[in-house]
Amino acid sequence: MCGWGDRYYKTSGSTAARVLAYQCQNDLSNNNYAGTTRNANNDITSVYNNGNTSNGYYYTSTWYAGSSLYVPRGSGFQELNASHPTMNDSITSFKFTSAPGTCV
């Protein structure tokens, strides 16, 4: 699962500048988008789940709490401010449904 800071799966014009999770990310406050100094916490505007087998959730609070956004595998939202405005710039954690319950 990946998140980008701007719409259309980009951060500052780059598709490679993303934050990702192979199982989970419990707190994005220490995560910058790849190759940048831009922090991803409460900054994600587009999301995609490229998982092979699992669906996933994005959350507005750390440790998979708060409001959630369900994203089936193989799908995403290129513009959260249009499709899910309450999630835009509000994501703080995310994980796959197959991740262990104590995913850290």
C-alpha atoms as a PDB file:
ATOM      1  CA  MET A   1       0.000   0.000   0.000  1.00  0.00           C
ATOM      2  CA  CYS A   2       1.273   3.457  -0.877  1.00  0.00           C
ATOM      3  CA  GLY A   3       0.432   7.045  -0.156  1.00  0.00           C
ATOM      4  CA  TRP A   4       1.468  10.231  -1.978  1.00  0.00           C
ATOM      5  CA  GLY A   5       1.357  13.869  -0.949  1.00  0.00           C
ATOM      6  CA  ASP A   6      -0.361  15.124  -4.078  1.00  0.00           C
ATOM      7  CA  ARG A   7      -3.118  13.947  -6.366  1.00  0.00           C
ATOM      8  CA  TYR A   8      -2.632  11.473  -9.217  1.00  0.00           C
ATOM      9  CA  TYR A   9      -0.189   9.297  -7.239  1.00  0.00           C
ATOM     10  CA  LYS A  10       2.624  11.839  -7.084  1.00  0.00           C
ATOM     11  CA  THR A  11       4.518  13.838  -4.501  1.00  0.00           C
ATOM     12  CA  SER A  12       6.109  17.020  -5.790  1.00  0.00           C
ATOM     13  CA  GLY A  13       5.745  15.672  -9.347  1.00  0.00           C
ATOM     14  CA  SER A  14       7.312  12.244  -8.679  1.00  0.00           C
ATOM     15  CA  THR A  15       5.518   8.885  -8.536  1.00  0.00           C
ATOM     16  CA  ALA A  16       8.568   7.406  -6.747  1.00  0.00           C
ATOM     17  CA  ALA A  17       8.220   9.849  -3.823  1.00  0.00           C
ATOM     18  CA  ARG A  18       5.780   7.790  -1.787  1.00  0.00           C
ATOM     19  CA  VAL A  19       5.396   6.274   1.652  1.00  0.00           C
ATOM     20  CA  LEU A  20       4.610   2.561   1.668  1.00  0.00           C
ATOM     21  CA  ALA A  21       3.830  -0.391   3.873  1.00  0.00           C
ATOM     22  CA  TYR A  22       4.453  -4.059   3.218  1.00  0.00           C
ATOM     23  CA  GLN A  23       2.280  -4.996   6.204  1.00  0.00           C
ATOM     24  CA  CYS A  24       1.662  -1.828   8.178  1.00  0.00           C
ATOM     25  CA  GLN A  25       2.743   1.646   9.235  1.00  0.00           C
ATOM     26  CA  ASN A  26       1.499   2.433  12.749  1.00  0.00           C
ATOM     27  CA  ASP A  27       2.620   6.068  12.909  1.00  0.00           C
ATOM     28  CA  LEU A  28       3.656   8.181   9.937  1.00  0.00           C
ATOM     29  CA  SER A  29       5.080  11.025  12.037  1.00  0.00           C
ATOM     30  CA  ASN A  30       8.627   9.762  11.391  1.00  0.00           C
ATOM     31  CA  ASN A  31       8.133   8.863   7.729  1.00  0.00           C
ATOM     32  CA  ASN A  32       9.088  11.076   4.824  1.00  0.00           C
ATOM     33  CA  TYR A  33       8.105  10.387   1.252  1.00  0.00           C
ATOM     34  CA  ALA A  34      10.889   8.394  -0.444  1.00  0.00           C
ATOM     35  CA  GLY A  35      13.759  10.607  -1.568  1.00  0.00           C
ATOM     36  CA  THR A  36      12.346  13.759   0.049  1.00  0.00           C
ATOM     37  CA  THR A  37      12.361  15.622   3.341  1.00  0.00           C
ATOM     38  CA  ARG A  38       8.590  16.065   3.178  1.00  0.00           C
ATOM     39  CA  ASN A  39       6.830  14.296   6.042  1.00  0.00           C
ATOM     40  CA  ALA A  40       3.886  12.043   5.138  1.00  0.00           C
ATOM     41  CA  ASN A  41       1.931  12.336   8.390  1.00  0.00           C
ATOM     42  CA  ASN A  42      -1.392  14.098   7.815  1.00  0.00           C
ATOM     43  CA  ASP A  43      -0.231  14.951   4.296  1.00  0.00           C
ATOM     44  CA  ILE A  44      -1.420  12.073   2.057  1.00  0.00           C
ATOM     45  CA  THR A  45      -3.680  13.070  -0.852  1.00  0.00           C
ATOM     46  CA  SER A  46      -3.709   9.923  -3.037  1.00  0.00           C
ATOM     47  CA  VAL A  47      -3.530   6.240  -2.092  1.00  0.00           C
ATOM     48  CA  TYR A  48      -3.196   2.920  -3.867  1.00  0.00           C
ATOM     49  CA  ASN A  49      -3.244  -0.704  -2.726  1.00  0.00           C
ATOM     50  CA  ASN A  50      -0.990  -2.714  -5.001  1.00  0.00           C
ATOM     51  CA  GLY A  51      -1.067  -5.726  -2.684  1.00  0.00           C
ATOM     52  CA  ASN A  52      -1.053  -9.210  -4.149  1.00  0.00           C
ATOM     53  CA  THR A  53      -3.589 -10.778  -1.803  1.00  0.00           C
ATOM     54  CA  SER A  54      -4.856  -8.339   0.821  1.00  0.00           C
ATOM     55  CA  ASN A  55      -7.189  -5.417   1.111  1.00  0.00           C
ATOM     56  CA  GLY A  56      -6.195  -2.539   3.334  1.00  0.00           C
ATOM     57  CA  TYR A  57      -7.235   0.383   5.485  1.00  0.00           C
ATOM     58  CA  TYR A  58      -5.900   3.890   5.962  1.00  0.00           C
ATOM     59  CA  TYR A  59      -6.569   5.547   9.351  1.00  0.00           C
ATOM     60  CA  THR A  60      -6.654   9.092  10.708  1.00  0.00           C
ATOM     61  CA  SER A  61      -4.953   8.193  14.006  1.00  0.00           C
ATOM     62  CA  THR A  62      -1.878   6.227  15.030  1.00  0.00           C
ATOM     63  CA  TRP A  63      -2.110   2.504  15.729  1.00  0.00           C
ATOM     64  CA  TYR A  64      -4.959   1.985  13.250  1.00  0.00           C
ATOM     65  CA  ALA A  65      -7.547   4.067  15.065  1.00  0.00           C
ATOM     66  CA  GLY A  66      -9.864   6.927  14.182  1.00  0.00           C
ATOM     67  CA  SER A  67     -11.762   7.186  10.916  1.00  0.00           C
ATOM     68  CA  SER A  68     -10.794   4.628   8.292  1.00  0.00           C
ATOM     69  CA  LEU A  69     -10.762   4.304   4.531  1.00  0.00           C
ATOM     70  CA  TYR A  70     -11.101   0.829   3.014  1.00  0.00           C
ATOM     71  CA  VAL A  71      -9.053   0.246  -0.150  1.00  0.00           C
ATOM     72  CA  PRO A  72      -9.444  -3.132  -1.913  1.00  0.00           C
ATOM     73  CA  ARG A  73      -6.311  -4.603  -3.480  1.00  0.00           C
ATOM     74  CA  GLY A  74      -5.684  -3.373  -6.988  1.00  0.00           C
ATOM     75  CA  SER A  75      -7.482  -0.083  -6.443  1.00  0.00           C
ATOM     76  CA  GLY A  76      -6.908   3.392  -5.089  1.00  0.00           C
ATOM     77  CA  PHE A  77      -8.047   6.966  -4.930  1.00  0.00           C
ATOM     78  CA  GLN A  78      -6.116   9.463  -7.014  1.00  0.00           C
ATOM     79  CA  GLU A  79      -7.640  12.525  -5.363  1.00  0.00           C
ATOM     80  CA  LEU A  80      -8.830  12.111  -1.762  1.00  0.00           C
ATOM     81  CA  ASN A  81      -9.893  15.749  -1.550  1.00  0.00           C
ATOM     82  CA  ALA A  82     -12.533  14.942  -4.195  1.00  0.00           C
ATOM     83  CA  SER A  83     -13.490  11.338  -3.314  1.00  0.00           C
ATOM     84  CA  HIS A  84     -13.010  11.250   0.485  1.00  0.00           C
ATOM     85  CA  PRO A  85     -12.419  14.821   1.712  1.00  0.00           C
ATOM     86  CA  THR A  86     -12.359  13.891   5.405  1.00  0.00           C
ATOM     87  CA  MET A  87      -9.383  11.586   4.750  1.00  0.00           C
ATOM     88  CA  ASN A  88      -7.397  14.070   2.651  1.00  0.00           C
ATOM     89  CA  ASP A  89      -4.308  15.245   4.564  1.00  0.00           C
ATOM     90  CA  SER A  90      -5.531  13.264   7.601  1.00  0.00           C
ATOM     91  CA  ILE A  91      -3.924   9.809   7.248  1.00  0.00           C
ATOM     92  CA  THR A  92      -1.637   8.800  10.110  1.00  0.00           C
ATOM     93  CA  SER A  93      -1.411   4.979   9.812  1.00  0.00           C
ATOM     94  CA  PHE A  94      -2.289   2.171   7.406  1.00  0.00           C
ATOM     95  CA  LYS A  95      -2.161  -1.600   7.127  1.00  0.00           C
ATOM     96  CA  PHE A  96      -3.223  -4.634   5.159  1.00  0.00           C
ATOM     97  CA  THR A  97      -6.095  -6.729   6.512  1.00  0.00           C
ATOM     98  CA  SER A  98      -3.737  -9.732   6.538  1.00  0.00           C
ATOM     99  CA  ALA A  99      -1.231  -7.995   8.848  1.00  0.00           C
ATOM    100  CA  PRO A 100      -0.935  -9.463  12.352  1.00  0.00           C
ATOM    101  CA  GLY A 101      -3.166  -7.888  14.997  1.00  0.00           C
ATOM    102  CA  THR A 102      -0.128  -6.532  16.815  1.00  0.00           C
ATOM    103  CA  CYS A 103       1.411  -5.145  13.639  1.00  0.00           C
ATOM    104  CA  VAL A 104       4.113  -2.678  14.614  1.00  0.00           C
END
